[in-house]
Amino acid sequence: MPGPSPEWKTLITERKGLANISRVYGRPLPESTRAVAWLKTTITSDRKQTKKVDIGWTRELWVFVNGKLVYADKNLFEVDGSRKFPDARCSLENGAAM
């Protein structure tokens, strides 16, 4: 994971908290080039608690909490058996992390 850096950009979320990375960075060109984007946030709570986070994505995803990997999966249209509902499109039904 990248460390603290002044290179982090602020990404304003859209309706219902959607962080649309492609709106900022677009698609990798040429498309065969692998692109990686890192998102980070700070969550503050007045008490210890566990929350479910619904996640929608395409391609590959890794979720870290406090530096620990808590969720990893793929949503690949081109690979049989790797498509998440609905048909490998980005949806909050793709997956969830606790």
Protein backbone atom coordinates (compact mmCIF):
# COMPACT_ATOMS: atom_id res chain seq x y z
CA MET A 1 0.00 0.00 0.00
CA PRO A 2 1.22 3.52 -0.62
CA GLY A 3 2.33 5.50 2.41
CA PRO A 4 1.39 9.05 3.39
CA SER A 5 2.08 11.37 0.50
CA PRO A 6 1.14 14.86 -0.64
CA GLU A 7 0.22 13.23 -3.98
CA TRP A 8 -3.19 11.99 -2.72
CA LYS A 9 -6.06 13.78 -4.48
CA THR A 10 -9.42 14.54 -2.92
CA LEU A 11 -12.26 12.68 -4.63
CA ILE A 12 -15.73 14.07 -4.01
CA THR A 13 -18.25 11.24 -3.77
CA GLU A 14 -21.40 11.26 -5.82
CA ARG A 15 -24.99 10.53 -4.84
CA LYS A 16 -25.26 7.97 -2.01
CA GLY A 17 -21.49 7.96 -1.45
CA LEU A 18 -20.46 6.55 -4.84
CA ALA A 19 -16.73 7.06 -5.47
CA ASN A 20 -16.55 6.99 -9.27
CA ILE A 21 -12.83 6.61 -9.97
CA SER A 22 -13.26 6.44 -13.74
CA ARG A 23 -14.83 9.91 -13.77
CA VAL A 24 -11.47 11.28 -12.56
CA TYR A 25 -8.99 8.93 -14.26
CA GLY A 26 -10.92 7.45 -17.21
CA ARG A 27 -9.98 4.14 -18.74
CA PRO A 28 -6.38 2.96 -19.06
CA LEU A 29 -5.03 3.53 -22.55
CA PRO A 30 -4.22 1.25 -24.21
CA GLU A 31 -6.93 -0.84 -22.59
CA SER A 32 -4.60 -3.80 -22.10
CA THR A 33 -2.57 -1.69 -19.67
CA ARG A 34 -3.30 -2.61 -16.06
CA ALA A 35 -4.41 0.39 -14.03
CA VAL A 36 -4.45 0.57 -10.23
CA ALA A 37 -6.13 3.26 -8.15
CA TRP A 38 -5.86 3.56 -4.39
CA LEU A 39 -8.64 5.13 -2.32
CA LYS A 40 -8.39 5.91 1.36
CA THR A 41 -10.69 7.42 3.91
CA THR A 42 -10.83 8.09 7.62
CA ILE A 43 -13.83 6.91 9.60
CA THR A 44 -14.39 8.37 13.05
CA SER A 45 -16.72 6.81 15.60
CA ASP A 46 -17.51 7.51 19.24
CA ARG A 47 -17.56 3.73 19.92
CA LYS A 48 -16.19 0.44 18.64
CA GLN A 49 -18.60 -1.14 16.16
CA THR A 50 -18.83 -3.37 13.11
CA LYS A 51 -20.58 -2.16 9.95
CA LYS A 52 -21.32 -3.83 6.64
CA VAL A 53 -20.09 -1.97 3.56
CA ASP A 54 -21.68 -2.81 0.20
CA ILE A 55 -19.13 -2.56 -2.60
CA GLY A 56 -19.62 -2.26 -6.35
CA TRP A 57 -16.65 -2.54 -8.70
CA THR A 58 -15.40 -3.91 -11.97
CA ARG A 59 -12.16 -5.81 -12.57
CA GLU A 60 -10.33 -6.45 -9.27
CA LEU A 61 -10.71 -5.12 -5.73
CA TRP A 62 -8.76 -5.30 -2.47
CA VAL A 63 -10.10 -3.68 0.72
CA PHE A 64 -7.77 -2.95 3.63
CA VAL A 65 -8.86 -1.79 7.09
CA ASN A 66 -6.14 -0.52 9.40
CA GLY A 67 -3.55 -2.04 7.07
CA LYS A 68 -5.13 -5.53 7.03
CA LEU A 69 -6.67 -7.13 3.95
CA VAL A 70 -10.35 -7.76 4.80
CA TYR A 71 -11.81 -8.41 1.33
CA ALA A 72 -10.52 -9.30 -2.13
CA ASP A 73 -12.39 -10.44 -5.22
CA LYS A 74 -12.69 -10.15 -9.00
CA ASN A 75 -15.53 -8.99 -11.25
CA LEU A 76 -14.28 -9.76 -14.75
CA PHE A 77 -16.63 -9.74 -17.75
CA GLU A 78 -14.20 -11.57 -20.05
CA VAL A 79 -13.60 -14.54 -17.71
CA ASP A 80 -16.31 -17.18 -17.31
CA GLY A 81 -17.12 -17.72 -13.65
CA SER A 82 -15.66 -14.33 -12.64
CA ARG A 83 -18.73 -12.18 -13.37
CA LYS A 84 -20.56 -10.75 -10.38
CA PHE A 85 -24.29 -10.01 -10.54
CA PRO A 86 -25.53 -8.18 -12.59
CA ASP A 87 -23.46 -9.50 -15.56
CA ALA A 88 -20.13 -7.99 -14.36
CA ARG A 89 -21.52 -4.45 -14.19
CA CYS A 90 -20.73 -2.21 -11.24
CA SER A 91 -23.49 -2.63 -8.65
CA LEU A 92 -23.68 -2.47 -4.87
CA GLU A 93 -24.79 -6.09 -5.16
CA ASN A 94 -21.26 -7.11 -6.33
CA GLY A 95 -19.96 -7.73 -2.81
CA ALA A 96 -19.73 -6.61 0.81
CA ALA A 97 -17.13 -6.35 3.55
CA MET A 98 -17.51 -6.24 7.32
